[in-house]
Amino acid sequence: QAYLSYSNVAALAQLAAKPGWEITRTMNDVKIWTLEEGDVLSFKVEMQVKIPSPLAFSLLSDFTLRQEWDKHFLTCEVLRAVSEEEKIYYVTSPPRRGHKPRDFVILVSQRQPCKPREPYTVAVRSVTLRAVPPSPGFSRSEILCAGFQIHRRTSSSCTVCYFNQATPGVMPYLAANLTGSSKSIEDTALGCIKFLE
């Protein structure tokens, strides 16, 4: 358990620090970046938010609030509170045309900064729980590495960066978004800013 938690946080920090991020879109308070490595596509959404970083951290750490601003989250329930900093959630996503709805079992690890310049971190990855086997009504999906880094700008504003490393299973959703045929990523980012502020 401790190893999973550590590797969850470390994987997000490594993804954020990788070279080669390319900016693909800028609008108002949102910038979208992508990073391609072989068949893995990662994206970063950078949002400027007018609230203090500890408050943003508190709101983004609680994934049961996620469906208030992210339409990719249909339901979200806590399966197990492993510790104050770690929770395991069961999430369902709405179906796409011709596809079963997707579901996820995810570990969410939250960390406050140890040093002044470090960001607040909310790291996400899929885990396997024997108590929650895949069900026939859903397509069980996997999150390799995702989450938020929250950087303080002033006492009343912060920069929220959302990262997601996409597996081939998630690619059809992203491909549509990144080609501009869907504004889903932008809409979700704007929904996030609105929710936080």
N, C-alpha and C. Protein backbone atom coordinates (compact mmCIF):
# COMPACT_ATOMS: atom_id res chain seq x y z
N GLN A 1 0.83 -1.21 0.00
CA GLN A 1 0.00 0.00 0.00
C GLN A 1 0.86 1.26 0.00
N ALA A 2 1.88 1.27 0.88
CA ALA A 2 2.76 2.44 0.97
C ALA A 2 3.50 2.64 -0.35
N TYR A 3 3.92 1.51 -0.95
CA TYR A 3 4.65 1.62 -2.22
C TYR A 3 3.73 2.19 -3.31
N LEU A 4 2.49 1.70 -3.37
CA LEU A 4 1.54 2.20 -4.37
C LEU A 4 1.33 3.70 -4.22
N SER A 5 1.17 4.14 -2.98
CA SER A 5 0.94 5.56 -2.72
C SER A 5 2.14 6.37 -3.16
N TYR A 6 3.33 5.89 -2.78
CA TYR A 6 4.55 6.62 -3.13
C TYR A 6 4.70 6.68 -4.64
N SER A 7 4.51 5.53 -5.32
CA SER A 7 4.73 5.51 -6.77
C SER A 7 3.67 6.34 -7.50
N ASN A 8 2.48 6.45 -6.92
CA ASN A 8 1.42 7.26 -7.49
C ASN A 8 1.86 8.73 -7.55
N VAL A 9 2.34 9.24 -6.41
CA VAL A 9 2.77 10.63 -6.32
C VAL A 9 4.03 10.86 -7.17
N ALA A 10 4.96 9.90 -7.11
CA ALA A 10 6.22 10.05 -7.86
C ALA A 10 5.97 10.04 -9.37
N ALA A 11 5.04 9.20 -9.84
CA ALA A 11 4.75 9.12 -11.28
C ALA A 11 4.21 10.44 -11.80
N LEU A 12 3.36 11.10 -11.00
CA LEU A 12 2.81 12.39 -11.43
C LEU A 12 3.91 13.46 -11.48
N ALA A 13 4.78 13.46 -10.48
CA ALA A 13 5.88 14.43 -10.45
C ALA A 13 6.80 14.21 -11.66
N GLN A 14 7.07 12.95 -12.00
CA GLN A 14 7.93 12.64 -13.15
C GLN A 14 7.28 13.09 -14.45
N LEU A 15 5.96 12.84 -14.59
CA LEU A 15 5.25 13.24 -15.81
C LEU A 15 5.31 14.76 -15.97
N ALA A 16 5.08 15.47 -14.87
CA ALA A 16 5.07 16.94 -14.92
C ALA A 16 6.45 17.49 -15.31
N ALA A 17 7.51 16.79 -14.89
CA ALA A 17 8.87 17.29 -15.11
C ALA A 17 9.46 16.88 -16.46
N LYS A 18 8.74 16.07 -17.24
CA LYS A 18 9.30 15.59 -18.51
C LYS A 18 9.51 16.73 -19.49
N PRO A 19 10.60 16.65 -20.28
CA PRO A 19 10.80 17.64 -21.33
C PRO A 19 9.93 17.30 -22.55
N GLY A 20 9.70 18.27 -23.42
CA GLY A 20 9.02 17.97 -24.68
C GLY A 20 7.55 18.31 -24.71
N TRP A 21 7.02 18.93 -23.66
CA TRP A 21 5.62 19.34 -23.68
C TRP A 21 5.42 20.41 -24.76
N GLU A 22 4.39 20.24 -25.57
CA GLU A 22 4.11 21.23 -26.63
C GLU A 22 2.75 21.86 -26.39
N ILE A 23 2.71 23.18 -26.48
CA ILE A 23 1.44 23.86 -26.25
C ILE A 23 0.58 23.72 -27.49
N THR A 24 -0.67 23.30 -27.32
CA THR A 24 -1.54 23.08 -28.49
C THR A 24 -2.68 24.09 -28.55
N ARG A 25 -3.00 24.70 -27.41
CA ARG A 25 -4.10 25.66 -27.44
C ARG A 25 -4.01 26.60 -26.24
N THR A 26 -4.32 27.87 -26.49
CA THR A 26 -4.35 28.86 -25.40
C THR A 26 -5.65 29.63 -25.51
N MET A 27 -6.34 29.77 -24.42
CA MET A 27 -7.56 30.59 -24.42
C MET A 27 -7.79 31.13 -23.01
N ASN A 28 -8.16 32.39 -22.91
CA ASN A 28 -8.47 33.02 -21.62
C ASN A 28 -7.53 32.53 -20.51
N ASP A 29 -8.09 31.78 -19.56
CA ASP A 29 -7.29 31.35 -18.41
C ASP A 29 -6.84 29.89 -18.54
N VAL A 30 -6.90 29.34 -19.76
CA VAL A 30 -6.59 27.91 -19.94
C VAL A 30 -5.54 27.72 -21.03
N LYS A 31 -4.54 26.86 -20.73
CA LYS A 31 -3.58 26.45 -21.77
C LYS A 31 -3.58 24.93 -21.80
N ILE A 32 -3.53 24.36 -23.01
CA ILE A 32 -3.51 22.90 -23.16
C ILE A 32 -2.19 22.50 -23.81
N TRP A 33 -1.50 21.55 -23.19
CA TRP A 33 -0.20 21.06 -23.67
C TRP A 33 -0.33 19.56 -23.94
N THR A 34 0.47 19.05 -24.87
CA THR A 34 0.50 17.60 -25.10
C THR A 34 1.94 17.11 -25.14
N LEU A 35 2.09 15.83 -24.86
CA LEU A 35 3.40 15.18 -24.88
C LEU A 35 3.21 13.79 -25.46
N GLU A 36 3.86 13.52 -26.60
CA GLU A 36 3.74 12.20 -27.23
C GLU A 36 5.00 11.38 -27.00
N GLU A 37 4.81 10.16 -26.52
CA GLU A 37 5.94 9.22 -26.34
C GLU A 37 5.48 7.86 -26.85
N GLY A 38 5.90 7.50 -28.04
CA GLY A 38 5.44 6.23 -28.63
C GLY A 38 3.94 6.26 -28.77
N ASP A 39 3.25 5.22 -28.22
CA ASP A 39 1.79 5.19 -28.35
C ASP A 39 1.10 5.79 -27.12
N VAL A 40 1.88 6.47 -26.27
CA VAL A 40 1.30 7.10 -25.09
C VAL A 40 1.21 8.61 -25.31
N LEU A 41 0.00 9.13 -25.16
CA LEU A 41 -0.22 10.57 -25.30
C LEU A 41 -0.60 11.12 -23.93
N SER A 42 0.14 12.12 -23.49
CA SER A 42 -0.20 12.76 -22.22
C SER A 42 -0.67 14.18 -22.51
N PHE A 43 -1.54 14.69 -21.66
CA PHE A 43 -1.87 16.09 -21.82
C PHE A 43 -1.88 16.79 -20.48
N LYS A 44 -1.65 18.10 -20.56
CA LYS A 44 -1.61 18.95 -19.38
C LYS A 44 -2.53 20.13 -19.64
N VAL A 45 -3.39 20.42 -18.70
CA VAL A 45 -4.28 21.57 -18.81
C VAL A 45 -3.91 22.52 -17.67
N GLU A 46 -3.49 23.71 -18.06
CA GLU A 46 -3.04 24.70 -17.06
C GLU A 46 -4.13 25.75 -16.89
N MET A 47 -4.58 25.95 -15.65
CA MET A 47 -5.70 26.87 -15.39
C MET A 47 -5.29 27.91 -14.35
N GLN A 48 -5.62 29.17 -14.62
CA GLN A 48 -5.37 30.24 -13.66
C GLN A 48 -6.65 30.44 -12.84
N VAL A 49 -6.51 30.31 -11.52
CA VAL A 49 -7.70 30.32 -10.67
C VAL A 49 -7.54 31.37 -9.57
N LYS A 50 -8.61 32.11 -9.33
CA LYS A 50 -8.55 33.22 -8.36
C LYS A 50 -9.03 32.76 -6.98
N ILE A 51 -8.38 31.74 -6.43
CA ILE A 51 -8.61 31.35 -5.04
C ILE A 51 -7.26 30.90 -4.47
N PRO A 52 -7.10 30.92 -3.14
CA PRO A 52 -5.82 30.48 -2.54
C PRO A 52 -5.54 29.00 -2.84
N SER A 53 -4.26 28.67 -2.97
CA SER A 53 -3.90 27.28 -3.32
C SER A 53 -4.37 26.25 -2.29
N PRO A 54 -4.35 26.52 -0.96
CA PRO A 54 -4.85 25.48 -0.04
C PRO A 54 -6.32 25.16 -0.27
N LEU A 55 -7.12 26.17 -0.62
CA LEU A 55 -8.54 25.93 -0.87
C LEU A 55 -8.74 25.11 -2.14
N ALA A 56 -7.98 25.44 -3.20
CA ALA A 56 -8.06 24.66 -4.45
C ALA A 56 -7.68 23.20 -4.16
N PHE A 57 -6.65 22.99 -3.36
CA PHE A 57 -6.19 21.65 -3.00
C PHE A 57 -7.29 20.89 -2.27
N SER A 58 -7.94 21.56 -1.32
CA SER A 58 -9.00 20.91 -0.55
C SER A 58 -10.18 20.51 -1.44
N LEU A 59 -10.56 21.39 -2.38
CA LEU A 59 -11.70 21.10 -3.26
C LEU A 59 -11.36 20.01 -4.29
N LEU A 60 -10.13 20.03 -4.81
CA LEU A 60 -9.76 19.07 -5.85
C LEU A 60 -9.37 17.71 -5.27
N SER A 61 -9.05 17.67 -3.98
CA SER A 61 -8.70 16.38 -3.34
C SER A 61 -9.93 15.51 -3.13
N ASP A 62 -11.10 16.15 -3.01
CA ASP A 62 -12.31 15.39 -2.72
C ASP A 62 -13.00 15.01 -4.03
N PHE A 63 -12.78 13.78 -4.45
CA PHE A 63 -13.29 13.36 -5.76
C PHE A 63 -14.81 13.19 -5.79
N THR A 64 -15.45 13.16 -4.61
CA THR A 64 -16.92 13.07 -4.63
C THR A 64 -17.53 14.39 -5.14
N LEU A 65 -16.73 15.46 -5.17
CA LEU A 65 -17.21 16.74 -5.72
C LEU A 65 -17.00 16.82 -7.23
N ARG A 66 -16.29 15.84 -7.77
CA ARG A 66 -15.85 15.94 -9.15
C ARG A 66 -17.01 16.01 -10.15
N GLN A 67 -18.09 15.26 -9.86
CA GLN A 67 -19.19 15.27 -10.84
C GLN A 67 -19.90 16.62 -10.90
N GLU A 68 -19.60 17.52 -9.94
CA GLU A 68 -20.19 18.86 -9.99
C GLU A 68 -19.64 19.68 -11.15
N TRP A 69 -18.41 19.32 -11.61
CA TRP A 69 -17.82 20.12 -12.69
C TRP A 69 -17.29 19.30 -13.86
N ASP A 70 -17.17 17.98 -13.70
CA ASP A 70 -16.60 17.15 -14.77
C ASP A 70 -17.66 16.18 -15.27
N LYS A 71 -18.14 16.42 -16.50
CA LYS A 71 -19.23 15.57 -17.00
C LYS A 71 -18.77 14.16 -17.36
N HIS A 72 -17.45 13.90 -17.29
CA HIS A 72 -16.95 12.54 -17.50
C HIS A 72 -17.16 11.67 -16.25
N PHE A 73 -17.50 12.32 -15.14
CA PHE A 73 -17.78 11.59 -13.90
C PHE A 73 -19.29 11.53 -13.71
N LEU A 74 -19.84 10.33 -13.85
CA LEU A 74 -21.28 10.17 -13.64
C LEU A 74 -21.55 9.95 -12.15
N THR A 75 -20.81 9.00 -11.57
CA THR A 75 -20.90 8.76 -10.12
C THR A 75 -19.50 8.60 -9.56
N CYS A 76 -19.36 8.85 -8.27
CA CYS A 76 -18.06 8.66 -7.62
C CYS A 76 -18.32 8.38 -6.14
N GLU A 77 -17.85 7.23 -5.68
CA GLU A 77 -18.05 6.89 -4.26
C GLU A 77 -16.74 6.43 -3.65
N VAL A 78 -16.57 6.71 -2.37
CA VAL A 78 -15.38 6.26 -1.65
C VAL A 78 -15.56 4.79 -1.31
N LEU A 79 -14.64 3.95 -1.78
CA LEU A 79 -14.68 2.52 -1.44
C LEU A 79 -13.94 2.28 -0.12
N ARG A 80 -12.83 3.00 0.03
CA ARG A 80 -12.01 2.76 1.23
C ARG A 80 -11.16 4.00 1.50
N ALA A 81 -11.20 4.47 2.73
CA ALA A 81 -10.29 5.54 3.14
C ALA A 81 -9.08 4.85 3.75
N VAL A 82 -8.01 4.78 2.99
CA VAL A 82 -6.82 4.05 3.43
C VAL A 82 -6.13 4.82 4.55
N SER A 83 -6.07 6.15 4.39
CA SER A 83 -5.47 7.03 5.40
C SER A 83 -6.04 8.41 5.14
N GLU A 84 -5.56 9.41 5.89
CA GLU A 84 -6.05 10.77 5.65
C GLU A 84 -5.65 11.24 4.25
N GLU A 85 -4.54 10.73 3.76
CA GLU A 85 -4.01 11.20 2.47
C GLU A 85 -4.36 10.31 1.29
N GLU A 86 -4.89 9.12 1.57
CA GLU A 86 -5.16 8.16 0.48
C GLU A 86 -6.60 7.66 0.55
N LYS A 87 -7.27 7.72 -0.59
CA LYS A 87 -8.61 7.12 -0.67
C LYS A 87 -8.73 6.33 -1.96
N ILE A 88 -9.52 5.26 -1.91
CA ILE A 88 -9.82 4.49 -3.11
C ILE A 88 -11.28 4.77 -3.48
N TYR A 89 -11.49 5.16 -4.74
CA TYR A 89 -12.83 5.52 -5.21
C TYR A 89 -13.28 4.58 -6.33
N TYR A 90 -14.60 4.46 -6.44
CA TYR A 90 -15.19 3.78 -7.60
C TYR A 90 -15.91 4.85 -8.42
N VAL A 91 -15.53 4.95 -9.69
CA VAL A 91 -16.04 6.01 -10.56
C VAL A 91 -16.72 5.39 -11.78
N THR A 92 -17.86 5.94 -12.18
CA THR A 92 -18.46 5.52 -13.45
C THR A 92 -18.53 6.73 -14.39
N SER A 93 -18.39 6.44 -15.69
CA SER A 93 -18.46 7.47 -16.72
C SER A 93 -19.68 7.21 -17.60
N PRO A 94 -20.28 8.26 -18.17
CA PRO A 94 -21.44 8.03 -19.03
C PRO A 94 -21.04 7.28 -20.30
N PRO A 95 -21.98 6.56 -20.91
CA PRO A 95 -21.65 5.81 -22.13
C PRO A 95 -21.48 6.75 -23.32
N ARG A 96 -20.62 6.34 -24.26
CA ARG A 96 -20.56 7.02 -25.55
C ARG A 96 -21.42 6.22 -26.50
N ARG A 97 -21.83 6.85 -27.59
CA ARG A 97 -22.69 6.14 -28.55
C ARG A 97 -22.07 4.80 -28.95
N GLY A 98 -22.85 3.74 -28.81
CA GLY A 98 -22.36 2.43 -29.25
C GLY A 98 -21.40 1.76 -28.29
N HIS A 99 -21.14 2.37 -27.14
CA HIS A 99 -20.21 1.78 -26.17
C HIS A 99 -20.88 1.65 -24.82
N LYS A 100 -20.41 0.67 -24.03
CA LYS A 100 -20.89 0.55 -22.66
C LYS A 100 -20.31 1.69 -21.82
N PRO A 101 -21.00 2.08 -20.74
CA PRO A 101 -20.37 3.06 -19.85
C PRO A 101 -19.09 2.48 -19.26
N ARG A 102 -18.14 3.36 -18.94
CA ARG A 102 -16.87 2.88 -18.39
C ARG A 102 -16.88 3.02 -16.87
N ASP A 103 -16.09 2.18 -16.22
CA ASP A 103 -15.90 2.35 -14.78
C ASP A 103 -14.43 2.20 -14.41
N PHE A 104 -14.09 2.77 -13.27
CA PHE A 104 -12.70 2.84 -12.81
C PHE A 104 -12.65 2.57 -11.32
N VAL A 105 -11.58 1.92 -10.87
CA VAL A 105 -11.27 1.86 -9.44
C VAL A 105 -9.94 2.59 -9.30
N ILE A 106 -9.96 3.74 -8.58
CA ILE A 106 -8.77 4.58 -8.56
C ILE A 106 -8.29 4.87 -7.14
N LEU A 107 -6.98 4.99 -7.03
CA LEU A 107 -6.34 5.44 -5.79
C LEU A 107 -6.03 6.92 -5.96
N VAL A 108 -6.49 7.74 -5.03
CA VAL A 108 -6.20 9.18 -5.05
C VAL A 108 -5.30 9.49 -3.85
N SER A 109 -4.09 9.99 -4.13
CA SER A 109 -3.13 10.33 -3.07
C SER A 109 -2.96 11.84 -3.05
N GLN A 110 -3.14 12.44 -1.89
CA GLN A 110 -2.98 13.89 -1.80
C GLN A 110 -1.78 14.23 -0.91
N ARG A 111 -1.01 15.24 -1.32
CA ARG A 111 0.18 15.64 -0.57
C ARG A 111 0.27 17.15 -0.50
N GLN A 112 0.53 17.65 0.71
CA GLN A 112 0.80 19.08 0.85
C GLN A 112 2.28 19.31 0.57
N PRO A 113 2.66 20.52 0.16
CA PRO A 113 4.08 20.76 -0.15
C PRO A 113 4.95 20.65 1.10
N CYS A 114 6.14 20.09 0.92
CA CYS A 114 7.10 20.01 2.03
C CYS A 114 7.91 21.30 2.12
N LYS A 115 8.14 21.92 0.94
CA LYS A 115 8.93 23.16 0.89
C LYS A 115 8.09 24.24 0.23
N PRO A 116 8.40 25.52 0.48
CA PRO A 116 7.57 26.63 -0.02
C PRO A 116 7.33 26.63 -1.53
N ARG A 117 8.33 26.25 -2.33
CA ARG A 117 8.17 26.33 -3.78
C ARG A 117 7.46 25.12 -4.39
N GLU A 118 7.25 24.09 -3.59
CA GLU A 118 6.65 22.86 -4.14
C GLU A 118 5.14 23.01 -4.30
N PRO A 119 4.57 22.28 -5.28
CA PRO A 119 3.11 22.36 -5.45
C PRO A 119 2.36 21.43 -4.50
N TYR A 120 1.09 21.72 -4.30
CA TYR A 120 0.18 20.74 -3.72
C TYR A 120 -0.05 19.67 -4.79
N THR A 121 -0.20 18.42 -4.38
CA THR A 121 -0.33 17.33 -5.34
C THR A 121 -1.56 16.47 -5.04
N VAL A 122 -2.30 16.14 -6.10
CA VAL A 122 -3.39 15.16 -6.00
C VAL A 122 -3.14 14.16 -7.13
N ALA A 123 -2.61 12.98 -6.80
CA ALA A 123 -2.22 12.00 -7.82
C ALA A 123 -3.25 10.88 -7.92
N VAL A 124 -3.45 10.40 -9.15
CA VAL A 124 -4.50 9.40 -9.42
C VAL A 124 -3.94 8.26 -10.26
N ARG A 125 -4.28 7.03 -9.90
CA ARG A 125 -3.94 5.87 -10.74
C ARG A 125 -4.96 4.77 -10.48
N SER A 126 -5.12 3.89 -11.45
CA SER A 126 -6.02 2.75 -11.26
C SER A 126 -5.38 1.71 -10.34
N VAL A 127 -6.24 1.04 -9.56
CA VAL A 127 -5.79 -0.08 -8.74
C VAL A 127 -6.79 -1.22 -8.91
N THR A 128 -6.38 -2.41 -8.48
CA THR A 128 -7.29 -3.56 -8.55
C THR A 128 -7.75 -3.90 -7.14
N LEU A 129 -9.05 -4.03 -6.96
CA LEU A 129 -9.60 -4.44 -5.67
C LEU A 129 -10.41 -5.71 -5.89
N ARG A 130 -10.09 -6.76 -5.12
CA ARG A 130 -10.84 -8.01 -5.29
C ARG A 130 -12.33 -7.81 -5.01
N ALA A 131 -12.61 -6.87 -4.11
CA ALA A 131 -14.01 -6.64 -3.72
C ALA A 131 -14.82 -5.98 -4.84
N VAL A 132 -14.13 -5.42 -5.84
CA VAL A 132 -14.84 -4.74 -6.94
C VAL A 132 -14.38 -5.31 -8.29
N PRO A 133 -14.82 -6.53 -8.62
CA PRO A 133 -14.42 -7.09 -9.91
C PRO A 133 -15.13 -6.37 -11.06
N PRO A 134 -14.61 -6.47 -12.28
CA PRO A 134 -15.32 -5.86 -13.42
C PRO A 134 -16.74 -6.41 -13.53
N SER A 135 -17.68 -5.53 -13.90
CA SER A 135 -19.07 -6.00 -14.02
C SER A 135 -19.48 -5.97 -15.49
N PRO A 136 -20.40 -6.88 -15.89
CA PRO A 136 -20.76 -6.99 -17.31
C PRO A 136 -21.37 -5.72 -17.89
N GLY A 137 -21.96 -4.88 -17.03
CA GLY A 137 -22.62 -3.67 -17.56
C GLY A 137 -21.66 -2.54 -17.89
N PHE A 138 -20.38 -2.70 -17.47
CA PHE A 138 -19.40 -1.62 -17.66
C PHE A 138 -18.15 -2.12 -18.35
N SER A 139 -17.46 -1.21 -18.99
CA SER A 139 -16.16 -1.50 -19.56
C SER A 139 -15.12 -0.97 -18.57
N ARG A 140 -14.43 -1.88 -17.87
CA ARG A 140 -13.44 -1.45 -16.86
C ARG A 140 -12.26 -0.78 -17.55
N SER A 141 -11.96 0.44 -17.15
CA SER A 141 -10.90 1.21 -17.79
C SER A 141 -9.79 1.51 -16.80
N GLU A 142 -8.64 1.89 -17.36
CA GLU A 142 -7.46 2.08 -16.52
C GLU A 142 -6.91 3.49 -16.67
N ILE A 143 -6.53 4.08 -15.55
CA ILE A 143 -5.80 5.35 -15.56
C ILE A 143 -4.36 5.03 -15.16
N LEU A 144 -3.42 5.30 -16.08
CA LEU A 144 -2.00 5.03 -15.79
C LEU A 144 -1.49 6.04 -14.78
N CYS A 145 -1.70 7.31 -15.10
CA CYS A 145 -1.16 8.38 -14.27
C CYS A 145 -1.95 9.65 -14.58
N ALA A 146 -2.52 10.26 -13.56
CA ALA A 146 -3.26 11.50 -13.76
C ALA A 146 -3.23 12.27 -12.45
N GLY A 147 -3.75 13.49 -12.49
CA GLY A 147 -3.85 14.23 -11.24
C GLY A 147 -3.61 15.72 -11.40
N PHE A 148 -3.52 16.39 -10.26
CA PHE A 148 -3.38 17.85 -10.23
C PHE A 148 -2.11 18.26 -9.50
N GLN A 149 -1.47 19.30 -10.00
CA GLN A 149 -0.47 20.03 -9.23
C GLN A 149 -0.99 21.45 -9.08
N ILE A 150 -0.94 21.96 -7.86
CA ILE A 150 -1.48 23.30 -7.59
C ILE A 150 -0.34 24.18 -7.09
N HIS A 151 -0.02 25.20 -7.88
CA HIS A 151 1.10 26.09 -7.56
C HIS A 151 0.55 27.42 -7.04
N ARG A 152 1.11 27.89 -5.94
CA ARG A 152 0.69 29.18 -5.38
C ARG A 152 1.22 30.30 -6.28
N ARG A 153 0.37 31.28 -6.58
CA ARG A 153 0.84 32.48 -7.30
C ARG A 153 0.87 33.66 -6.34
N THR A 154 -0.28 33.96 -5.74
CA THR A 154 -0.35 35.00 -4.70
C THR A 154 -1.16 34.40 -3.55
N SER A 155 -1.41 35.20 -2.52
CA SER A 155 -2.18 34.67 -1.39
C SER A 155 -3.62 34.35 -1.79
N SER A 156 -4.07 34.93 -2.93
CA SER A 156 -5.47 34.70 -3.33
C SER A 156 -5.61 34.13 -4.74
N SER A 157 -4.52 33.59 -5.30
CA SER A 157 -4.63 32.98 -6.64
C SER A 157 -3.61 31.86 -6.79
N CYS A 158 -3.90 30.95 -7.72
CA CYS A 158 -2.99 29.82 -7.94
C CYS A 158 -3.10 29.33 -9.38
N THR A 159 -2.13 28.53 -9.77
CA THR A 159 -2.16 27.87 -11.07
C THR A 159 -2.44 26.39 -10.83
N VAL A 160 -3.52 25.87 -11.43
CA VAL A 160 -3.87 24.46 -11.29
C VAL A 160 -3.49 23.76 -12.59
N CYS A 161 -2.65 22.74 -12.50
CA CYS A 161 -2.29 21.95 -13.69
C CYS A 161 -2.89 20.56 -13.55
N TYR A 162 -3.67 20.16 -14.54
CA TYR A 162 -4.24 18.81 -14.56
C TYR A 162 -3.47 17.99 -15.59
N PHE A 163 -3.02 16.81 -15.19
CA PHE A 163 -2.26 15.93 -16.08
C PHE A 163 -3.03 14.64 -16.31
N ASN A 164 -2.90 14.07 -17.50
CA ASN A 164 -3.45 12.74 -17.75
C ASN A 164 -2.59 12.04 -18.80
N GLN A 165 -2.14 10.84 -18.45
CA GLN A 165 -1.37 10.02 -19.38
C GLN A 165 -2.36 9.01 -19.95
N ALA A 166 -2.61 9.11 -21.24
CA ALA A 166 -3.72 8.35 -21.81
C ALA A 166 -3.28 7.00 -22.33
N THR A 167 -4.03 5.99 -21.94
CA THR A 167 -3.81 4.65 -22.48
C THR A 167 -4.52 4.56 -23.83
N PRO A 168 -4.17 3.57 -24.67
CA PRO A 168 -4.86 3.43 -25.95
C PRO A 168 -6.38 3.37 -25.80
N GLY A 169 -6.90 2.83 -24.69
CA GLY A 169 -8.34 2.74 -24.49
C GLY A 169 -9.03 4.09 -24.37
N VAL A 170 -8.27 5.08 -23.91
CA VAL A 170 -8.85 6.42 -23.71
C VAL A 170 -8.63 7.27 -24.96
N MET A 171 -7.76 6.78 -25.85
CA MET A 171 -7.36 7.58 -27.01
C MET A 171 -8.51 8.09 -27.86
N PRO A 172 -9.54 7.27 -28.15
CA PRO A 172 -10.63 7.80 -29.01
C PRO A 172 -11.26 9.07 -28.43
N TYR A 173 -11.38 9.12 -27.10
CA TYR A 173 -11.96 10.31 -26.45
C TYR A 173 -11.05 11.51 -26.69
N LEU A 174 -9.74 11.27 -26.48
CA LEU A 174 -8.80 12.38 -26.57
C LEU A 174 -8.59 12.84 -27.99
N ALA A 175 -8.51 11.90 -28.91
CA ALA A 175 -8.26 12.25 -30.31
C ALA A 175 -9.32 13.23 -30.77
N ALA A 176 -10.57 12.95 -30.43
CA ALA A 176 -11.67 13.84 -30.83
C ALA A 176 -11.47 15.22 -30.21
N ASN A 177 -11.04 15.23 -28.95
CA ASN A 177 -10.89 16.51 -28.26
C ASN A 177 -9.75 17.34 -28.84
N LEU A 178 -8.64 16.68 -29.12
CA LEU A 178 -7.45 17.43 -29.50
C LEU A 178 -7.50 17.92 -30.94
N THR A 179 -8.31 17.27 -31.77
CA THR A 179 -8.42 17.75 -33.14
C THR A 179 -9.38 18.92 -33.22
N GLY A 180 -10.03 19.21 -32.12
CA GLY A 180 -10.90 20.38 -32.11
C GLY A 180 -12.33 20.05 -32.50
N SER A 181 -12.61 18.77 -32.82
CA SER A 181 -13.99 18.44 -33.17
C SER A 181 -14.85 18.46 -31.91
N SER A 182 -14.19 18.40 -30.75
CA SER A 182 -14.94 18.52 -29.50
C SER A 182 -14.17 19.47 -28.59
N LYS A 183 -14.88 20.31 -27.88
CA LYS A 183 -14.18 21.24 -26.98
C LYS A 183 -14.22 20.68 -25.56
N SER A 184 -14.27 19.36 -25.46
CA SER A 184 -14.49 18.73 -24.16
C SER A 184 -13.44 19.13 -23.11
N ILE A 185 -12.15 19.11 -23.49
CA ILE A 185 -11.11 19.41 -22.51
C ILE A 185 -11.26 20.86 -22.03
N GLU A 186 -11.45 21.76 -23.00
CA GLU A 186 -11.62 23.18 -22.65
C GLU A 186 -12.85 23.38 -21.77
N ASP A 187 -13.95 22.76 -22.18
CA ASP A 187 -15.20 22.93 -21.42
C ASP A 187 -15.03 22.42 -19.99
N THR A 188 -14.33 21.29 -19.86
CA THR A 188 -14.12 20.72 -18.53
C THR A 188 -13.24 21.65 -17.70
N ALA A 189 -12.19 22.21 -18.33
CA ALA A 189 -11.29 23.14 -17.63
C ALA A 189 -12.05 24.38 -17.16
N LEU A 190 -12.88 24.93 -18.04
CA LEU A 190 -13.65 26.12 -17.68
C LEU A 190 -14.65 25.78 -16.57
N GLY A 191 -15.22 24.57 -16.63
CA GLY A 191 -16.13 24.11 -15.57
C GLY A 191 -15.39 24.01 -14.24
N CYS A 192 -14.14 23.54 -14.31
CA CYS A 192 -13.32 23.39 -13.10
C CYS A 192 -13.04 24.77 -12.48
N ILE A 193 -12.65 25.73 -13.32
CA ILE A 193 -12.35 27.09 -12.83
C ILE A 193 -13.60 27.69 -12.18
N LYS A 194 -14.73 27.54 -12.86
CA LYS A 194 -15.99 28.10 -12.36
C LYS A 194 -16.35 27.47 -11.01
N PHE A 195 -16.19 26.15 -10.91
CA PHE A 195 -16.48 25.44 -9.67
C PHE A 195 -15.56 25.94 -8.54
N LEU A 196 -14.27 26.07 -8.83
CA LEU A 196 -13.32 26.47 -7.79
C LEU A 196 -13.55 27.90 -7.32
N GLU A 197 -13.88 28.77 -8.27
CA GLU A 197 -14.03 30.19 -7.90
C GLU A 197 -15.41 30.48 -7.32
